[in-house]
Amino acid sequence: MDLFGNKPDKVMKPPSPLADRVRPRNLDEFVGQEHLTGRDRFLRNLIEKRDVPSIILWGPPGTGKTTLANIIAEATGWKFMSFSAVLSGVKEIREVIKEAKDEFAYHKRKTILFVDEIHRFNKSQQDAFLHHVEDGTIVLIGATTENPSFEVNAPLLSRCRVLVLKQLTDDNIKKIIQRAISDKEKGLGNYKLDIGENPIDVLAEHSHGDARGALNTIETAVMISQPDKDDIRHITSDIIHEAIQKKALLYDKGGEEHYNVISAFIKSMRGSDPDAALYYLARMLDAGEDPMFIARRMVIFASEDIGNADPQAIHIAVAVKDAFDFVGMPEGWIPLAQGVTYLATAPKSNTSYKAYLEALEDVKLKGSLPVPLHIRNAPTKMMKELGYAKGYKYPHDYKGGKVEEDYLPDELKDRRYYEPKDIGYEKIIKEMMKKKKPVK
């Protein structure tokens, strides 16, 4: 029963987004990923031979993962089924598998099952694919922005080829945009557009290699621009900026990019490059990283990578942590930036860090070696009679506060862990350690 009177003969669908309308239909139209799709390259050869295995497409957003899955289905003639890891569970997987079996039984045709965001499946959901990937019931094509070695379980990963898609270059983005602008059938070619090179350069630069985002932005820019009396829409850089607004940076606090950026931040400070360190600091803060996580990493860095080459570094790092804790955002970036530039330009030494690891290795290798009797505590008469503390030399009773003494267990008597470098304050420490000890 129709509550609103007459039903329309057809259900009118809203027009699909530009990014969907201009999606490439074959590899010759596909832009980017030449290492996979170029002439005589791995994926192109498999597609041309119609011998495509189950694969995981791993790459940043907007690099062509869904498009490649569609191209593979079109080129092979296999049935294509799309499946969302966000909206589906094991029940839906079973239904898809049944449909794939029927497809092969009645039509002798394979089924490509495309699973977007496959990293969102839990272990039991991923396990539900295993047997059917193994026996060829489905050709699984999974798409993910997360490192598959962390997010896809090992049995399923071993049954798939992982293909890494690279972030698109600015030139790739420009080519995709130019095609969309000139395409009269599916793109924006029926609009009268006045758009020069500079606005397209701005769009490419701000797209961060995301073709989908770039196409959405140019479509928005066309829609918000006002045609003049000749029906021409002038797309300026200002209009592009208006359409872009503020794009979220690629940064997942729980995913691989989190570890990539914090690693780059630490390595930049270790390499004494304050500019790079500041860039990664800004990138993390702008993307919403917890500033206290950054501050804690700086405290660790001050001891691990600077150490006694600049003993003030640990004080600076802790002070920065406390300052941020006291001030908070939005001004908290100021002490963080000061701390980063100090740590990046400070002299570097990891000798105390390495010395501890070497000492720990001896502890694990040799176990609990007996502490020399002369440096044991002797609080009781029996202990004194057993020789505890006998012959101990109190350093403050000697000139310079130094005394020739053996403190390590006998088995490690001549072991040296800490070897100061000739850099910063450690150079002074090294000289102090070289001074001749008093004679016994």
Protein backbone atom coordinates (compact mmCIF):
# COMPACT_ATOMS: atom_id res chain seq x y z
CA MET A 1 0.00 0.00 0.00
CA ASP A 2 1.36 3.42 -0.99
CA LEU A 3 0.72 5.99 1.72
CA PHE A 4 1.63 8.86 -0.56
CA GLY A 5 -0.53 8.14 -3.59
CA ASN A 6 0.93 7.09 -6.94
CA LYS A 7 4.25 5.25 -7.05
CA PRO A 8 6.80 6.49 -9.55
CA ASP A 9 7.52 4.11 -12.42
CA LYS A 10 11.21 4.20 -11.57
CA VAL A 11 13.11 4.85 -8.38
CA MET A 12 15.29 7.84 -9.18
CA LYS A 13 18.84 7.47 -7.93
CA PRO A 14 20.91 10.51 -7.06
CA PRO A 15 23.90 10.99 -9.37
CA SER A 16 26.99 9.16 -8.14
CA PRO A 17 30.04 11.17 -7.05
CA LEU A 18 32.58 12.22 -9.65
CA ALA A 19 35.19 9.84 -8.21
CA ASP A 20 32.86 6.92 -8.89
CA ARG A 21 31.73 8.11 -12.33
CA VAL A 22 35.24 8.53 -13.75
CA ARG A 23 36.64 5.34 -12.24
CA PRO A 24 38.99 3.71 -14.81
CA ARG A 25 37.57 0.64 -16.58
CA ASN A 26 40.87 -0.93 -17.62
CA LEU A 27 44.59 -0.77 -16.90
CA ASP A 28 45.25 1.59 -19.82
CA GLU A 29 43.04 4.21 -18.14
CA PHE A 30 44.49 3.53 -14.69
CA VAL A 31 46.93 6.17 -13.39
CA GLY A 32 49.78 5.33 -11.02
CA GLN A 33 51.11 2.05 -9.57
CA GLU A 34 53.22 1.44 -12.68
CA HIS A 35 55.37 -0.97 -10.64
CA LEU A 36 52.34 -3.30 -10.66
CA THR A 37 50.34 -2.34 -13.74
CA GLY A 38 52.96 -1.25 -16.26
CA ARG A 39 53.90 -3.31 -19.28
CA ASP A 40 55.29 -6.74 -18.31
CA ARG A 41 54.65 -6.00 -14.64
CA PHE A 42 53.33 -8.52 -12.14
CA LEU A 43 49.66 -7.58 -11.87
CA ARG A 44 49.17 -6.76 -15.54
CA ASN A 45 50.63 -10.14 -16.55
CA LEU A 46 48.31 -11.98 -14.16
CA ILE A 47 45.26 -10.08 -15.41
CA GLU A 48 46.11 -10.66 -19.07
CA LYS A 49 46.56 -14.38 -18.39
CA ARG A 50 43.35 -14.49 -16.30
CA ASP A 51 45.37 -16.16 -13.59
CA VAL A 52 44.81 -13.82 -10.65
CA PRO A 53 45.37 -15.35 -7.18
CA SER A 54 43.87 -14.08 -3.93
CA ILE A 55 45.59 -10.80 -3.11
CA ILE A 56 45.75 -8.11 -0.44
CA LEU A 57 46.02 -4.56 -1.82
CA TRP A 58 47.78 -2.44 0.79
CA GLY A 59 48.15 1.28 0.33
CA PRO A 60 47.07 4.77 1.45
CA PRO A 61 43.53 6.04 0.79
CA GLY A 62 42.66 7.00 -2.78
CA THR A 63 45.45 5.05 -4.49
CA GLY A 64 43.20 2.76 -6.55
CA LYS A 65 42.56 -0.37 -4.49
CA THR A 66 38.82 -0.61 -5.25
CA THR A 67 39.40 0.44 -8.85
CA LEU A 68 41.97 -2.32 -9.38
CA ALA A 69 39.56 -4.90 -7.98
CA ASN A 70 36.89 -3.77 -10.46
CA ILE A 71 39.38 -3.79 -13.34
CA ILE A 72 40.44 -7.36 -12.46
CA ALA A 73 36.80 -8.50 -12.46
CA GLU A 74 36.08 -6.75 -15.77
CA ALA A 75 39.20 -8.13 -17.46
CA THR A 76 38.71 -11.71 -16.28
CA GLY A 77 34.94 -11.83 -16.73
CA TRP A 78 34.55 -13.32 -13.25
CA LYS A 79 31.62 -12.48 -11.01
CA PHE A 80 32.34 -9.55 -8.72
CA MET A 81 30.93 -9.30 -5.22
CA SER A 82 31.76 -6.46 -2.87
CA PHE A 83 31.80 -6.99 0.86
CA SER A 84 32.23 -4.49 3.69
CA ALA A 85 34.26 -5.57 6.68
CA VAL A 86 32.53 -2.86 8.70
CA LEU A 87 28.94 -3.96 8.04
CA SER A 88 29.23 -7.74 7.62
CA GLY A 89 29.89 -10.78 9.80
CA VAL A 90 30.36 -14.55 9.58
CA LYS A 91 26.69 -15.10 8.63
CA GLU A 92 27.03 -12.86 5.59
CA ILE A 93 30.32 -14.57 4.68
CA ARG A 94 28.54 -17.95 4.58
CA GLU A 95 25.84 -16.54 2.30
CA VAL A 96 28.46 -15.13 -0.07
CA ILE A 97 30.35 -18.44 -0.14
CA LYS A 98 27.13 -20.32 -1.03
CA GLU A 99 26.45 -17.88 -3.85
CA ALA A 100 30.03 -18.30 -5.13
CA LYS A 101 29.66 -22.10 -5.12
CA ASP A 102 26.39 -21.87 -7.06
CA GLU A 103 27.99 -19.50 -9.55
CA PHE A 104 30.72 -22.00 -10.32
CA ALA A 105 28.36 -25.01 -10.31
CA TYR A 106 25.86 -23.51 -12.77
CA HIS A 107 27.95 -21.09 -14.81
CA LYS A 108 31.51 -22.41 -14.42
CA ARG A 109 32.58 -18.91 -13.45
CA LYS A 110 34.85 -17.87 -10.59
CA THR A 111 33.82 -15.26 -8.06
CA ILE A 112 35.95 -12.34 -6.96
CA LEU A 113 35.09 -11.35 -3.41
CA PHE A 114 36.29 -7.83 -2.76
CA VAL A 115 36.58 -7.05 0.96
CA ASP A 116 37.15 -3.38 1.69
CA GLU A 117 38.94 -2.55 4.96
CA ILE A 118 39.74 -6.22 5.53
CA HIS A 119 41.81 -5.24 8.57
CA ARG A 120 38.53 -4.57 10.41
CA PHE A 121 37.60 -8.26 10.34
CA ASN A 122 38.31 -10.10 13.57
CA LYS A 123 40.18 -13.44 13.64
CA SER A 124 37.05 -15.63 13.42
CA GLN A 125 35.76 -13.64 10.46
CA GLN A 126 39.09 -13.92 8.66
CA ASP A 127 39.24 -17.65 9.46
CA ALA A 128 35.87 -18.10 7.74
CA PHE A 129 37.57 -17.33 4.42
CA LEU A 130 40.48 -19.74 4.78
CA HIS A 131 39.11 -22.99 3.34
CA HIS A 132 37.29 -21.24 0.49
CA VAL A 133 40.36 -19.29 -0.55
CA GLU A 134 42.39 -22.51 -0.33
CA ASP A 135 40.02 -24.55 -2.57
CA GLY A 136 39.46 -21.73 -5.07
CA THR A 137 35.76 -21.19 -4.32
CA ILE A 138 36.53 -17.48 -4.14
CA VAL A 139 39.34 -15.26 -5.32
CA LEU A 140 39.73 -12.94 -2.36
CA ILE A 141 40.83 -9.36 -2.99
CA GLY A 142 41.25 -7.51 0.29
CA ALA A 143 41.91 -3.80 0.55
CA THR A 144 43.56 -2.20 3.55
CA THR A 145 45.33 0.96 4.59
CA GLU A 146 46.94 -0.89 7.50
CA ASN A 147 50.03 -3.09 7.45
CA PRO A 148 48.68 -6.61 6.67
CA SER A 149 51.40 -8.27 8.72
CA PHE A 150 49.84 -6.63 11.80
CA GLU A 151 46.17 -6.73 10.86
CA VAL A 152 45.61 -9.90 8.78
CA ASN A 153 46.10 -13.24 10.51
CA ALA A 154 49.00 -15.40 9.36
CA PRO A 155 47.03 -18.34 7.82
CA LEU A 156 45.00 -16.02 5.59
CA LEU A 157 48.04 -13.90 4.76
CA SER A 158 49.95 -17.01 3.66
CA ARG A 159 47.20 -17.77 1.11
CA CYS A 160 47.32 -14.30 -0.44
CA ARG A 161 49.84 -12.20 -2.36
CA VAL A 162 50.36 -8.78 -0.78
CA LEU A 163 50.65 -5.99 -3.35
CA VAL A 164 51.84 -2.62 -2.05
CA LEU A 165 50.28 0.46 -3.63
CA LYS A 166 52.27 3.68 -3.43
CA GLN A 167 50.95 7.14 -2.65
CA LEU A 168 50.10 8.89 -5.91
CA THR A 169 52.41 11.68 -7.04
CA ASP A 170 51.27 15.24 -7.72
CA ASP A 171 51.67 14.54 -11.45
CA ASN A 172 49.40 11.49 -11.11
CA ILE A 173 46.77 13.62 -9.39
CA LYS A 174 47.01 16.36 -12.02
CA LYS A 175 46.52 13.83 -14.81
CA ILE A 176 43.45 12.37 -13.09
CA ILE A 177 41.97 15.84 -12.54
CA GLN A 178 42.59 16.93 -16.14
CA ARG A 179 40.83 13.81 -17.41
CA ALA A 180 37.85 14.42 -15.15
CA ILE A 181 37.59 18.05 -16.26
CA SER A 182 37.62 17.17 -19.96
CA ASP A 183 35.41 14.04 -19.81
CA LYS A 184 31.99 15.04 -21.24
CA GLU A 185 30.42 11.62 -20.78
CA LYS A 186 31.14 10.97 -17.10
CA GLY A 187 33.13 13.92 -15.85
CA LEU A 188 32.87 17.70 -15.75
CA GLY A 189 33.38 18.30 -19.46
CA ASN A 190 29.90 19.72 -20.02
CA TYR A 191 30.61 22.63 -17.69
CA LYS A 192 32.27 25.72 -19.06
CA LEU A 193 35.30 25.88 -16.82
CA ASP A 194 38.11 28.39 -16.63
CA ILE A 195 40.83 26.76 -14.54
CA GLY A 196 44.52 27.42 -14.90
CA GLU A 197 47.57 25.44 -13.87
CA ASN A 198 47.96 27.08 -10.46
CA PRO A 199 44.61 25.95 -8.99
CA ILE A 200 45.28 22.40 -10.18
CA ASP A 201 48.78 22.57 -8.64
CA VAL A 202 47.23 23.70 -5.35
CA LEU A 203 44.70 20.87 -5.48
CA ALA A 204 47.36 18.26 -6.24
CA GLU A 205 49.59 19.52 -3.43
CA HIS A 206 46.78 19.40 -0.87
CA SER A 207 45.46 16.01 -1.93
CA HIS A 208 48.32 14.10 -0.27
CA GLY A 209 48.24 11.49 -3.05
CA ASP A 210 44.52 10.74 -2.57
CA ALA A 211 42.81 10.66 -5.99
CA ARG A 212 39.34 10.23 -4.52
CA GLY A 213 39.84 13.24 -2.28
CA ALA A 214 41.13 15.30 -5.20
CA LEU A 215 38.13 14.41 -7.38
CA ASN A 216 35.70 15.18 -4.56
CA THR A 217 37.38 18.54 -4.08
CA ILE A 218 37.28 19.57 -7.76
CA GLU A 219 33.63 18.54 -7.95
CA THR A 220 32.85 20.65 -4.87
CA ALA A 221 34.83 23.57 -6.32
CA VAL A 222 32.75 23.46 -9.51
CA MET A 223 29.49 23.27 -7.54
CA ILE A 224 30.28 26.24 -5.27
CA SER A 225 31.60 28.47 -8.06
CA GLN A 226 29.15 30.92 -9.61
CA PRO A 227 28.91 31.04 -13.42
CA ASP A 228 29.31 34.47 -15.03
CA LYS A 229 26.98 35.95 -17.66
CA ASP A 230 28.52 33.65 -20.28
CA ASP A 231 27.92 30.62 -18.01
CA ILE A 232 31.68 30.23 -17.39
CA ARG A 233 32.82 29.07 -13.97
CA HIS A 234 36.20 30.52 -12.97
CA ILE A 235 37.95 28.05 -10.68
CA THR A 236 40.60 29.98 -8.75
CA SER A 237 43.05 28.86 -6.09
CA ASP A 238 40.84 30.53 -3.47
CA ILE A 239 37.87 28.43 -4.55
CA ILE A 240 40.05 25.30 -4.39
CA HIS A 241 41.06 26.23 -0.82
CA GLU A 242 37.42 26.82 0.06
CA ALA A 243 36.51 23.39 -1.31
CA ILE A 244 39.37 21.71 0.52
CA GLN A 245 38.61 23.30 3.90
CA LYS A 246 40.88 21.27 6.19
CA LYS A 247 41.81 17.77 5.09
CA ALA A 248 42.70 15.38 7.89
CA LEU A 249 46.30 14.24 7.64
CA LEU A 250 46.99 10.56 7.07
CA TYR A 251 47.69 9.54 10.63
CA ASP A 252 46.11 6.70 12.56
CA LYS A 253 47.06 6.76 16.22
CA GLY A 254 46.51 3.02 16.43
CA GLY A 255 47.96 2.00 13.11
CA GLU A 256 51.20 1.77 11.20
CA GLU A 257 51.42 5.47 10.29
CA HIS A 258 51.55 6.26 14.01
CA TYR A 259 54.72 4.18 14.30
CA ASN A 260 56.15 5.52 11.03
CA VAL A 261 55.86 9.15 12.11
CA ILE A 262 57.07 8.71 15.69
CA SER A 263 60.01 6.70 14.30
CA ALA A 264 60.83 9.52 11.87
CA PHE A 265 60.57 12.02 14.75
CA ILE A 266 63.04 10.10 16.93
CA LYS A 267 65.45 9.43 14.05
CA SER A 268 65.42 13.11 13.06
CA MET A 269 66.44 14.15 16.58
CA ARG A 270 69.04 11.36 16.69
CA GLY A 271 70.41 12.62 13.37
CA SER A 272 70.65 16.18 14.79
CA ASP A 273 68.13 17.59 12.29
CA PRO A 274 65.91 20.07 14.21
CA ASP A 275 63.96 21.04 11.09
CA ALA A 276 62.82 17.50 10.33
CA ALA A 277 62.10 16.88 14.02
CA LEU A 278 59.91 20.01 14.18
CA TYR A 279 58.07 18.93 11.01
CA TYR A 280 57.18 15.54 12.49
CA LEU A 281 56.25 17.17 15.81
CA ALA A 282 53.86 19.51 13.98
CA ARG A 283 52.46 16.66 11.94
CA MET A 284 51.71 14.57 15.03
CA LEU A 285 50.16 17.42 16.99
CA ASP A 286 48.04 18.56 14.02
CA ALA A 287 46.77 15.01 13.51
CA GLY A 288 45.69 14.72 17.15
CA GLU A 289 48.49 12.68 18.70
CA ASP A 290 48.59 12.73 22.51
CA PRO A 291 51.22 15.39 23.35
CA MET A 292 52.16 13.56 26.56
CA PHE A 293 53.07 10.50 24.47
CA ILE A 294 55.47 12.73 22.52
CA ALA A 295 56.87 14.24 25.73
CA ARG A 296 57.49 10.78 27.20
CA ARG A 297 59.37 9.75 24.05
CA MET A 298 61.51 12.89 24.40
CA VAL A 299 62.42 11.99 28.00
CA ILE A 300 63.46 8.50 26.89
CA PHE A 301 65.44 9.98 23.98
CA ALA A 302 67.30 12.37 26.28
CA SER A 303 68.78 9.43 28.20
CA GLU A 304 69.07 6.88 25.41
CA ASP A 305 70.57 9.05 22.66
CA ILE A 306 72.16 11.99 24.47
CA GLY A 307 73.01 10.61 27.87
CA ASN A 308 76.08 12.06 29.53
CA ALA A 309 77.19 13.90 26.41
CA ASP A 310 74.82 16.59 27.73
CA PRO A 311 73.55 15.77 31.23
CA GLN A 312 71.19 18.76 31.01
CA ALA A 313 69.16 17.06 28.27
CA ILE A 314 67.23 14.82 30.66
CA HIS A 315 66.40 17.85 32.84
CA ILE A 316 65.21 19.79 29.78
CA ALA A 317 63.05 16.87 28.61
CA VAL A 318 61.44 16.39 32.02
CA ALA A 319 60.91 20.14 32.31
CA VAL A 320 59.19 20.16 28.90
CA LYS A 321 56.94 17.31 30.02
CA ASP A 322 56.05 19.15 33.22
CA ALA A 323 55.56 22.45 31.36
CA PHE A 324 53.16 20.86 28.92
CA ASP A 325 51.31 19.13 31.75
CA PHE A 326 50.95 22.54 33.46
CA VAL A 327 50.09 24.63 30.37
CA GLY A 328 48.21 22.17 28.15
CA MET A 329 47.01 23.03 24.68
CA PRO A 330 46.75 25.18 22.65
CA GLU A 331 50.02 26.77 23.89
CA GLY A 332 51.64 23.49 24.96
CA TRP A 333 53.35 23.11 21.60
CA ILE A 334 55.68 25.99 22.54
CA PRO A 335 57.69 24.14 25.25
CA LEU A 336 57.52 20.97 23.12
CA ALA A 337 59.11 22.81 20.19
CA GLN A 338 61.81 24.27 22.47
CA GLY A 339 62.58 20.82 23.84
CA VAL A 340 62.73 19.25 20.39
CA THR A 341 65.21 21.81 19.07
CA TYR A 342 67.40 21.41 22.18
CA LEU A 343 67.45 17.62 21.98
CA ALA A 344 68.03 17.60 18.23
CA THR A 345 71.05 19.90 18.46
CA ALA A 346 72.58 18.43 21.63
CA PRO A 347 75.73 16.24 21.38
CA LYS A 348 74.78 12.57 21.12
CA SER A 349 76.00 9.53 23.02
CA ASN A 350 74.32 6.19 23.67
CA THR A 351 77.16 4.77 25.77
CA SER A 352 75.22 4.62 29.06
CA TYR A 353 72.32 2.94 27.24
CA LYS A 354 74.64 0.38 25.62
CA ALA A 355 76.57 -0.14 28.85
CA TYR A 356 73.42 -1.21 30.67
CA LEU A 357 72.49 -3.66 27.90
CA GLU A 358 75.95 -5.23 28.07
CA ALA A 359 75.70 -5.53 31.87
CA LEU A 360 72.25 -7.09 31.49
CA GLU A 361 73.65 -9.58 28.99
CA ASP A 362 76.24 -10.70 31.56
CA VAL A 363 73.51 -11.01 34.20
CA LYS A 364 71.46 -13.27 31.92
CA LEU A 365 74.48 -15.24 30.75
CA LYS A 366 76.28 -15.74 34.06
CA GLY A 367 73.43 -15.53 36.53
CA SER A 368 73.73 -14.22 40.10
CA LEU A 369 77.47 -14.17 40.66
CA PRO A 370 78.64 -13.85 44.29
CA VAL A 371 79.11 -10.28 45.46
CA PRO A 372 82.73 -9.82 46.68
CA LEU A 373 82.91 -10.23 50.46
CA HIS A 374 84.66 -6.92 51.09
CA ILE A 375 81.74 -4.86 49.71
CA ARG A 376 78.96 -6.86 51.36
CA ASN A 377 76.98 -5.32 54.17
CA ALA A 378 77.80 -6.65 57.65
CA PRO A 379 75.05 -5.72 60.09
CA THR A 380 75.55 -8.76 62.35
CA LYS A 381 78.46 -10.24 64.29
CA MET A 382 78.20 -13.54 62.41
CA MET A 383 78.53 -11.77 59.09
CA LYS A 384 81.61 -9.96 60.26
CA GLU A 385 83.12 -13.25 61.39
CA LEU A 386 82.43 -14.67 57.94
CA GLY A 387 84.47 -11.85 56.38
CA TYR A 388 81.67 -9.60 55.21
CA ALA A 389 82.95 -6.02 54.68
CA LYS A 390 86.47 -7.06 55.70
CA GLY A 391 89.08 -4.87 54.05
CA TYR A 392 86.58 -2.44 52.55
CA LYS A 393 88.23 0.88 51.69
CA TYR A 394 86.01 3.92 52.30
CA PRO A 395 86.74 6.24 49.30
CA HIS A 396 86.22 9.47 51.28
CA ASP A 397 89.20 8.56 53.44
CA TYR A 398 91.49 8.78 50.41
CA LYS A 399 92.85 11.69 48.43
CA GLY A 400 90.52 12.78 45.65
CA GLY A 401 87.80 10.45 46.95
CA LYS A 402 89.21 7.58 44.86
CA VAL A 403 90.60 4.25 45.87
CA GLU A 404 91.89 1.19 44.07
CA GLU A 405 89.19 -1.39 44.69
CA ASP A 406 87.43 -4.31 42.96
CA TYR A 407 83.65 -4.01 43.02
CA LEU A 408 82.60 -6.50 40.35
CA PRO A 409 82.31 -10.26 41.03
CA ASP A 410 85.61 -12.09 40.49
CA GLU A 411 84.42 -13.63 37.22
CA LEU A 412 83.82 -10.12 35.79
CA LYS A 413 86.80 -8.49 37.49
CA ASP A 414 88.18 -6.65 34.44
CA ARG A 415 84.88 -6.10 32.62
CA ARG A 416 84.22 -2.60 31.25
CA TYR A 417 80.71 -1.60 30.19
CA TYR A 418 80.76 2.17 30.13
CA GLU A 419 83.14 3.69 27.58
CA PRO A 420 82.57 7.47 27.32
CA LYS A 421 82.92 9.15 23.94
CA ASP A 422 85.09 12.14 23.08
CA ILE A 423 82.01 14.35 22.73
CA GLY A 424 80.30 16.94 24.93
CA TYR A 425 80.50 16.43 28.66
CA GLU A 426 81.43 12.77 28.17
CA LYS A 427 84.84 13.94 27.04
CA ILE A 428 85.35 15.36 30.53
CA ILE A 429 84.06 12.14 32.11
CA LYS A 430 86.49 10.15 29.98
CA GLU A 431 89.40 12.26 31.15
CA MET A 432 88.34 11.83 34.77
CA MET A 433 88.17 8.06 34.34
CA LYS A 434 91.66 8.04 32.80
CA LYS A 435 93.26 9.68 35.81
CA LYS A 436 95.48 7.30 37.68
CA LYS A 437 93.85 5.83 40.77
CA PRO A 438 95.68 5.94 44.11
CA VAL A 439 98.01 3.10 44.86
CA LYS A 440 96.66 0.49 47.28
